[in-house]
Amino acid sequence: MASASSSRAGVALPFEKSQLTLRVVSAKPKVHNRQPRINSYVEVAVDGLPSETKKTGKRIGSSELLWNEVIVLNVTAQSHLDLKVWSCHTLRNELLGTASVNLSNVLKNNGGKSLRKLSALAGEEVHLFFPGCFLRLTRLTWK
């Protein structure tokens, strides 16, 4: 689950930067031959820019991964968010799942209003909730 808010009210210009506050709450990965405890984190990238890539802290979980952390990102109305859930291992990290969000589609589906209340539940799907709007993404794939 994640939630977000924008620091600006109303309709933003297409390339005007504003801050998006994203709360990364939890995820429920598919369980198949996994260790009973998973050490994991979430990485969020804006438009594929390394300077706008943020990570949560590492957390240990089992059937539900819980972070409940806030990430602040600089976005435009045309920005694209890529979310990745990683499992931490001694030698290398393993990608557990990914999701993508195109903010222009989100704004279009929300009548051009700002992203005041965005929340997502990450499991096998990502669910985004807006005032009077529900968006379901099925691009989140767990290995």
N, C-alpha and C. Protein backbone atom coordinates (compact mmCIF):
# COMPACT_ATOMS: atom_id res chain seq x y z
N MET A 1 0.85 -1.16 0.00
CA MET A 1 0.00 0.00 0.00
C MET A 1 0.90 1.22 0.00
N ALA A 2 0.54 2.23 -0.76
CA ALA A 2 1.29 3.48 -0.78
C ALA A 2 0.30 4.61 -0.91
N SER A 3 0.67 5.76 -0.42
CA SER A 3 -0.18 6.93 -0.59
C SER A 3 0.69 8.10 -0.98
N ALA A 4 0.12 9.08 -1.66
CA ALA A 4 0.91 10.21 -2.12
C ALA A 4 0.08 11.47 -2.09
N SER A 5 0.78 12.60 -2.04
CA SER A 5 0.11 13.89 -2.13
C SER A 5 1.01 14.85 -2.87
N SER A 6 0.44 15.83 -3.51
CA SER A 6 1.19 16.83 -4.25
C SER A 6 1.24 18.10 -3.44
N SER A 7 2.35 18.85 -3.57
CA SER A 7 2.48 20.09 -2.81
C SER A 7 1.76 21.24 -3.48
N ARG A 8 1.21 21.04 -4.67
CA ARG A 8 0.50 22.09 -5.39
C ARG A 8 -0.95 21.71 -5.57
N ALA A 9 -1.81 22.70 -5.52
CA ALA A 9 -3.23 22.46 -5.74
C ALA A 9 -3.58 22.81 -7.18
N GLY A 10 -4.65 22.24 -7.69
CA GLY A 10 -5.10 22.58 -9.03
C GLY A 10 -4.33 21.85 -10.10
N VAL A 11 -4.40 22.35 -11.31
CA VAL A 11 -3.78 21.72 -12.46
C VAL A 11 -2.37 22.26 -12.65
N ALA A 12 -1.39 21.36 -12.75
CA ALA A 12 -0.01 21.77 -12.96
C ALA A 12 0.28 21.85 -14.45
N LEU A 13 1.20 22.73 -14.83
CA LEU A 13 1.64 22.79 -16.21
C LEU A 13 2.39 21.51 -16.53
N PRO A 14 2.40 21.06 -17.81
CA PRO A 14 2.96 19.76 -18.15
C PRO A 14 4.40 19.54 -17.70
N PHE A 15 5.26 20.55 -17.74
CA PHE A 15 6.66 20.34 -17.41
C PHE A 15 7.09 21.12 -16.17
N GLU A 16 6.13 21.62 -15.42
CA GLU A 16 6.41 22.32 -14.17
C GLU A 16 6.64 21.28 -13.08
N LYS A 17 7.78 21.40 -12.37
CA LYS A 17 8.10 20.45 -11.31
C LYS A 17 7.32 20.75 -10.05
N SER A 18 6.86 19.72 -9.41
CA SER A 18 6.25 19.85 -8.09
C SER A 18 6.64 18.62 -7.28
N GLN A 19 6.51 18.71 -5.97
CA GLN A 19 6.88 17.59 -5.11
C GLN A 19 5.70 16.64 -4.94
N LEU A 20 6.01 15.37 -5.07
CA LEU A 20 5.03 14.32 -4.84
C LEU A 20 5.50 13.56 -3.60
N THR A 21 4.67 13.49 -2.59
CA THR A 21 4.99 12.75 -1.37
C THR A 21 4.34 11.38 -1.47
N LEU A 22 5.16 10.35 -1.54
CA LEU A 22 4.69 8.98 -1.72
C LEU A 22 4.91 8.22 -0.43
N ARG A 23 3.86 7.65 0.13
CA ARG A 23 4.01 6.80 1.32
C ARG A 23 3.98 5.35 0.87
N VAL A 24 5.10 4.67 1.07
CA VAL A 24 5.22 3.25 0.74
C VAL A 24 4.85 2.49 2.00
N VAL A 25 3.75 1.77 1.95
CA VAL A 25 3.23 1.13 3.16
C VAL A 25 3.58 -0.36 3.19
N SER A 26 3.05 -1.14 2.25
CA SER A 26 3.26 -2.58 2.35
C SER A 26 3.09 -3.27 1.00
N ALA A 27 3.49 -4.54 0.96
CA ALA A 27 3.30 -5.39 -0.22
C ALA A 27 3.09 -6.82 0.25
N LYS A 28 2.38 -7.58 -0.54
CA LYS A 28 2.17 -9.00 -0.25
C LYS A 28 2.65 -9.81 -1.46
N PRO A 29 3.90 -10.27 -1.43
CA PRO A 29 4.40 -11.05 -2.57
C PRO A 29 3.82 -12.45 -2.58
N LYS A 30 3.83 -13.05 -3.77
CA LYS A 30 3.43 -14.46 -3.88
C LYS A 30 4.43 -15.28 -3.08
N VAL A 31 3.95 -16.30 -2.42
CA VAL A 31 4.83 -17.16 -1.64
C VAL A 31 4.97 -18.49 -2.38
N HIS A 32 6.19 -18.76 -2.84
CA HIS A 32 6.48 -20.05 -3.44
C HIS A 32 7.96 -20.33 -3.28
N ASN A 33 8.27 -21.29 -2.44
CA ASN A 33 9.65 -21.70 -2.17
C ASN A 33 10.52 -20.53 -1.71
N ARG A 34 9.97 -19.60 -0.97
CA ARG A 34 10.74 -18.47 -0.46
C ARG A 34 11.10 -18.74 0.99
N GLN A 35 12.14 -18.05 1.42
CA GLN A 35 12.50 -18.11 2.83
C GLN A 35 11.32 -17.57 3.65
N PRO A 36 11.16 -18.05 4.88
CA PRO A 36 10.04 -17.56 5.69
C PRO A 36 10.17 -16.07 6.03
N ARG A 37 11.36 -15.53 6.05
CA ARG A 37 11.59 -14.11 6.35
C ARG A 37 12.30 -13.48 5.16
N ILE A 38 11.77 -12.35 4.68
CA ILE A 38 12.35 -11.66 3.53
C ILE A 38 12.84 -10.29 3.99
N ASN A 39 14.10 -9.97 3.71
CA ASN A 39 14.67 -8.65 3.97
C ASN A 39 14.52 -7.87 2.67
N SER A 40 13.74 -6.79 2.67
CA SER A 40 13.39 -6.14 1.40
C SER A 40 13.36 -4.62 1.51
N TYR A 41 13.35 -3.98 0.33
CA TYR A 41 13.17 -2.53 0.24
C TYR A 41 12.48 -2.20 -1.08
N VAL A 42 11.97 -0.97 -1.19
CA VAL A 42 11.31 -0.50 -2.40
C VAL A 42 12.14 0.63 -2.99
N GLU A 43 12.29 0.61 -4.32
CA GLU A 43 13.00 1.65 -5.06
C GLU A 43 11.99 2.33 -5.99
N VAL A 44 11.96 3.66 -5.96
CA VAL A 44 11.05 4.42 -6.83
C VAL A 44 11.89 5.36 -7.68
N ALA A 45 11.76 5.27 -9.01
CA ALA A 45 12.50 6.12 -9.94
C ALA A 45 11.52 6.98 -10.72
N VAL A 46 11.87 8.26 -10.88
CA VAL A 46 11.07 9.20 -11.67
C VAL A 46 11.75 9.37 -13.01
N ASP A 47 11.07 9.04 -14.09
CA ASP A 47 11.56 9.23 -15.46
C ASP A 47 12.92 8.58 -15.69
N GLY A 48 13.24 7.54 -14.94
CA GLY A 48 14.50 6.83 -15.11
C GLY A 48 15.74 7.61 -14.70
N LEU A 49 15.57 8.72 -13.99
CA LEU A 49 16.69 9.57 -13.60
C LEU A 49 17.34 9.08 -12.30
N PRO A 50 18.65 8.82 -12.32
CA PRO A 50 19.33 8.41 -11.08
C PRO A 50 19.21 9.46 -9.97
N SER A 51 19.17 10.74 -10.35
CA SER A 51 19.06 11.80 -9.34
C SER A 51 17.67 11.82 -8.70
N GLU A 52 16.69 11.21 -9.33
CA GLU A 52 15.33 11.16 -8.79
C GLU A 52 14.92 9.72 -8.49
N THR A 53 15.87 8.94 -8.01
CA THR A 53 15.59 7.57 -7.58
C THR A 53 15.76 7.51 -6.07
N LYS A 54 14.72 7.07 -5.39
CA LYS A 54 14.74 7.01 -3.92
C LYS A 54 14.42 5.59 -3.47
N LYS A 55 14.92 5.24 -2.28
CA LYS A 55 14.69 3.91 -1.72
C LYS A 55 14.17 4.01 -0.29
N THR A 56 13.38 3.01 0.08
CA THR A 56 12.98 2.89 1.48
C THR A 56 14.13 2.23 2.23
N GLY A 57 14.02 2.18 3.53
CA GLY A 57 14.97 1.41 4.32
C GLY A 57 14.67 -0.08 4.17
N LYS A 58 15.63 -0.91 4.54
CA LYS A 58 15.44 -2.36 4.48
C LYS A 58 14.60 -2.81 5.67
N ARG A 59 13.64 -3.67 5.39
CA ARG A 59 12.75 -4.20 6.42
C ARG A 59 12.64 -5.71 6.29
N ILE A 60 12.45 -6.38 7.41
CA ILE A 60 12.27 -7.83 7.41
C ILE A 60 10.79 -8.14 7.56
N GLY A 61 10.29 -9.02 6.70
CA GLY A 61 8.88 -9.40 6.74
C GLY A 61 8.71 -10.84 6.31
N SER A 62 7.48 -11.33 6.39
CA SER A 62 7.21 -12.70 5.96
C SER A 62 6.15 -12.67 4.86
N SER A 63 4.90 -12.96 5.17
CA SER A 63 3.86 -12.97 4.14
C SER A 63 3.48 -11.56 3.72
N GLU A 64 3.70 -10.56 4.60
CA GLU A 64 3.45 -9.16 4.24
C GLU A 64 4.71 -8.36 4.54
N LEU A 65 5.14 -7.58 3.55
CA LEU A 65 6.31 -6.72 3.71
C LEU A 65 5.81 -5.34 4.10
N LEU A 66 6.33 -4.78 5.19
CA LEU A 66 5.83 -3.53 5.73
C LEU A 66 6.97 -2.52 5.85
N TRP A 67 6.80 -1.34 5.19
CA TRP A 67 7.79 -0.26 5.27
C TRP A 67 7.20 0.96 5.98
N ASN A 68 6.05 1.42 5.56
CA ASN A 68 5.38 2.60 6.10
C ASN A 68 6.34 3.80 6.14
N GLU A 69 6.94 4.10 4.99
CA GLU A 69 7.91 5.19 4.86
C GLU A 69 7.45 6.19 3.82
N VAL A 70 7.89 7.44 3.99
CA VAL A 70 7.56 8.51 3.06
C VAL A 70 8.76 8.79 2.17
N ILE A 71 8.50 8.91 0.87
CA ILE A 71 9.52 9.28 -0.11
C ILE A 71 9.01 10.53 -0.82
N VAL A 72 9.85 11.56 -0.91
CA VAL A 72 9.48 12.81 -1.59
C VAL A 72 10.20 12.85 -2.93
N LEU A 73 9.42 13.04 -4.02
CA LEU A 73 9.96 13.03 -5.38
C LEU A 73 9.60 14.32 -6.10
N ASN A 74 10.48 14.78 -6.99
CA ASN A 74 10.20 15.92 -7.86
C ASN A 74 9.66 15.38 -9.18
N VAL A 75 8.42 15.74 -9.50
CA VAL A 75 7.76 15.20 -10.69
C VAL A 75 7.13 16.32 -11.51
N THR A 76 6.79 16.00 -12.76
CA THR A 76 5.98 16.87 -13.60
C THR A 76 4.68 16.12 -13.89
N ALA A 77 3.75 16.78 -14.54
CA ALA A 77 2.49 16.13 -14.90
C ALA A 77 2.72 15.01 -15.92
N GLN A 78 3.87 15.02 -16.60
CA GLN A 78 4.20 14.00 -17.60
C GLN A 78 5.13 12.92 -17.08
N SER A 79 5.47 12.96 -15.80
CA SER A 79 6.44 12.01 -15.24
C SER A 79 5.92 10.58 -15.24
N HIS A 80 6.88 9.67 -15.23
CA HIS A 80 6.62 8.24 -15.20
C HIS A 80 7.33 7.67 -13.97
N LEU A 81 6.60 6.97 -13.11
CA LEU A 81 7.19 6.36 -11.92
C LEU A 81 7.38 4.87 -12.14
N ASP A 82 8.57 4.39 -11.80
CA ASP A 82 8.85 2.95 -11.82
C ASP A 82 9.13 2.51 -10.39
N LEU A 83 8.35 1.54 -9.91
CA LEU A 83 8.51 1.02 -8.56
C LEU A 83 9.06 -0.40 -8.64
N LYS A 84 10.06 -0.70 -7.82
CA LYS A 84 10.65 -2.04 -7.78
C LYS A 84 10.73 -2.48 -6.33
N VAL A 85 10.37 -3.73 -6.08
CA VAL A 85 10.51 -4.32 -4.75
C VAL A 85 11.66 -5.31 -4.82
N TRP A 86 12.65 -5.12 -3.94
CA TRP A 86 13.86 -5.93 -3.94
C TRP A 86 13.96 -6.75 -2.66
N SER A 87 14.47 -7.97 -2.78
CA SER A 87 14.83 -8.80 -1.65
C SER A 87 16.34 -8.73 -1.50
N CYS A 88 16.82 -8.48 -0.29
CA CYS A 88 18.26 -8.31 -0.04
C CYS A 88 18.90 -9.65 0.30
N HIS A 89 20.00 -9.95 -0.37
CA HIS A 89 20.78 -11.15 -0.09
C HIS A 89 22.23 -10.75 0.13
N THR A 90 23.03 -11.66 0.67
CA THR A 90 24.42 -11.36 0.97
C THR A 90 25.21 -11.01 -0.28
N LEU A 91 25.07 -11.78 -1.34
CA LEU A 91 25.86 -11.56 -2.55
C LEU A 91 25.23 -10.58 -3.53
N ARG A 92 23.90 -10.62 -3.66
CA ARG A 92 23.23 -9.69 -4.57
C ARG A 92 21.75 -9.61 -4.20
N ASN A 93 21.10 -8.56 -4.69
CA ASN A 93 19.67 -8.38 -4.44
C ASN A 93 18.85 -9.05 -5.53
N GLU A 94 17.65 -9.51 -5.16
CA GLU A 94 16.75 -10.19 -6.10
C GLU A 94 15.51 -9.32 -6.32
N LEU A 95 15.17 -9.08 -7.58
CA LEU A 95 13.98 -8.31 -7.92
C LEU A 95 12.74 -9.18 -7.69
N LEU A 96 11.85 -8.72 -6.77
CA LEU A 96 10.63 -9.47 -6.47
C LEU A 96 9.47 -9.03 -7.35
N GLY A 97 9.38 -7.74 -7.66
CA GLY A 97 8.26 -7.25 -8.45
C GLY A 97 8.45 -5.83 -8.90
N THR A 98 7.70 -5.44 -9.94
CA THR A 98 7.79 -4.09 -10.50
C THR A 98 6.39 -3.56 -10.80
N ALA A 99 6.29 -2.24 -10.84
CA ALA A 99 5.05 -1.58 -11.25
C ALA A 99 5.43 -0.25 -11.88
N SER A 100 4.61 0.23 -12.81
CA SER A 100 4.84 1.52 -13.47
C SER A 100 3.58 2.36 -13.39
N VAL A 101 3.77 3.66 -13.19
CA VAL A 101 2.65 4.59 -13.12
C VAL A 101 2.98 5.79 -14.00
N ASN A 102 2.11 6.07 -14.97
CA ASN A 102 2.26 7.25 -15.83
C ASN A 102 1.37 8.34 -15.23
N LEU A 103 1.98 9.41 -14.69
CA LEU A 103 1.20 10.44 -14.00
C LEU A 103 0.25 11.18 -14.93
N SER A 104 0.58 11.31 -16.22
CA SER A 104 -0.34 12.01 -17.13
C SER A 104 -1.65 11.23 -17.27
N ASN A 105 -1.57 9.89 -17.31
CA ASN A 105 -2.80 9.08 -17.36
C ASN A 105 -3.59 9.20 -16.07
N VAL A 106 -2.88 9.25 -14.95
CA VAL A 106 -3.54 9.39 -13.65
C VAL A 106 -4.27 10.72 -13.58
N LEU A 107 -3.60 11.79 -14.02
CA LEU A 107 -4.22 13.12 -14.00
C LEU A 107 -5.41 13.18 -14.96
N LYS A 108 -5.26 12.57 -16.14
CA LYS A 108 -6.34 12.56 -17.13
C LYS A 108 -7.57 11.85 -16.56
N ASN A 109 -7.34 10.72 -15.90
CA ASN A 109 -8.44 9.96 -15.31
C ASN A 109 -9.03 10.64 -14.09
N ASN A 110 -8.32 11.62 -13.54
CA ASN A 110 -8.79 12.34 -12.36
C ASN A 110 -9.29 13.73 -12.74
N GLY A 111 -9.60 13.95 -14.01
CA GLY A 111 -10.12 15.24 -14.46
C GLY A 111 -9.11 16.36 -14.39
N GLY A 112 -7.80 16.03 -14.45
CA GLY A 112 -6.76 17.04 -14.42
C GLY A 112 -6.47 17.61 -13.05
N LYS A 113 -7.08 17.06 -12.02
CA LYS A 113 -6.86 17.57 -10.66
C LYS A 113 -5.52 17.09 -10.13
N SER A 114 -5.04 17.76 -9.11
CA SER A 114 -3.75 17.41 -8.53
C SER A 114 -3.82 16.06 -7.83
N LEU A 115 -2.65 15.52 -7.53
CA LEU A 115 -2.55 14.21 -6.88
C LEU A 115 -2.61 14.38 -5.37
N ARG A 116 -3.72 14.86 -4.87
CA ARG A 116 -3.82 15.09 -3.44
C ARG A 116 -3.87 13.81 -2.64
N LYS A 117 -4.62 12.84 -3.10
CA LYS A 117 -4.75 11.59 -2.35
C LYS A 117 -4.55 10.42 -3.29
N LEU A 118 -3.36 9.89 -3.28
CA LEU A 118 -3.03 8.73 -4.11
C LEU A 118 -2.62 7.61 -3.17
N SER A 119 -3.24 6.49 -3.27
CA SER A 119 -2.81 5.36 -2.44
C SER A 119 -2.74 4.12 -3.31
N ALA A 120 -1.83 3.24 -2.98
CA ALA A 120 -1.65 2.02 -3.77
C ALA A 120 -1.46 0.84 -2.84
N LEU A 121 -2.03 -0.27 -3.22
CA LEU A 121 -1.81 -1.52 -2.52
C LEU A 121 -1.05 -2.43 -3.48
N ALA A 122 0.14 -2.84 -3.09
CA ALA A 122 0.96 -3.66 -3.98
C ALA A 122 0.90 -5.11 -3.54
N GLY A 123 0.48 -5.95 -4.42
CA GLY A 123 0.46 -7.39 -4.21
C GLY A 123 0.76 -7.97 -5.57
N GLU A 124 -0.17 -8.70 -6.13
CA GLU A 124 -0.01 -9.12 -7.51
C GLU A 124 -0.49 -8.01 -8.44
N GLU A 125 -1.17 -7.03 -7.90
CA GLU A 125 -1.64 -5.88 -8.66
C GLU A 125 -1.35 -4.63 -7.83
N VAL A 126 -1.40 -3.49 -8.47
CA VAL A 126 -1.30 -2.22 -7.76
C VAL A 126 -2.64 -1.53 -7.90
N HIS A 127 -3.20 -1.07 -6.81
CA HIS A 127 -4.47 -0.36 -6.82
C HIS A 127 -4.21 1.09 -6.41
N LEU A 128 -4.62 2.03 -7.24
CA LEU A 128 -4.45 3.45 -6.96
C LEU A 128 -5.81 4.06 -6.72
N PHE A 129 -5.96 4.77 -5.61
CA PHE A 129 -7.23 5.39 -5.26
C PHE A 129 -7.08 6.90 -5.25
N PHE A 130 -8.00 7.59 -5.92
CA PHE A 130 -8.05 9.04 -5.94
C PHE A 130 -9.44 9.45 -5.48
N PRO A 131 -9.63 10.74 -5.17
CA PRO A 131 -10.99 11.18 -4.84
C PRO A 131 -11.92 10.90 -6.03
N GLY A 132 -12.86 9.99 -5.87
CA GLY A 132 -13.80 9.66 -6.93
C GLY A 132 -13.22 8.88 -8.08
N CYS A 133 -12.04 8.28 -7.92
CA CYS A 133 -11.39 7.58 -9.03
C CYS A 133 -10.64 6.37 -8.50
N PHE A 134 -10.71 5.25 -9.23
CA PHE A 134 -9.99 4.04 -8.87
C PHE A 134 -9.24 3.56 -10.11
N LEU A 135 -7.96 3.31 -9.97
CA LEU A 135 -7.14 2.84 -11.08
C LEU A 135 -6.48 1.54 -10.67
N ARG A 136 -6.58 0.52 -11.51
CA ARG A 136 -5.98 -0.77 -11.21
C ARG A 136 -4.90 -1.06 -12.23
N LEU A 137 -3.69 -1.33 -11.77
CA LEU A 137 -2.58 -1.68 -12.65
C LEU A 137 -2.29 -3.16 -12.49
N THR A 138 -2.16 -3.86 -13.59
CA THR A 138 -1.84 -5.28 -13.52
C THR A 138 -0.42 -5.54 -14.01
N ARG A 139 0.38 -4.51 -14.11
CA ARG A 139 1.75 -4.67 -14.59
C ARG A 139 2.71 -5.12 -13.49
N LEU A 140 2.24 -5.19 -12.26
CA LEU A 140 3.10 -5.64 -11.17
C LEU A 140 3.22 -7.14 -11.26
N THR A 141 4.43 -7.62 -11.47
CA THR A 141 4.63 -9.05 -11.63
C THR A 141 5.61 -9.55 -10.58
N TRP A 142 5.21 -10.55 -9.83
CA TRP A 142 6.08 -11.16 -8.83
C TRP A 142 6.72 -12.38 -9.44
N LYS A 143 7.99 -12.56 -9.19
CA LYS A 143 8.69 -13.75 -9.69
C LYS A 143 8.43 -14.93 -8.80
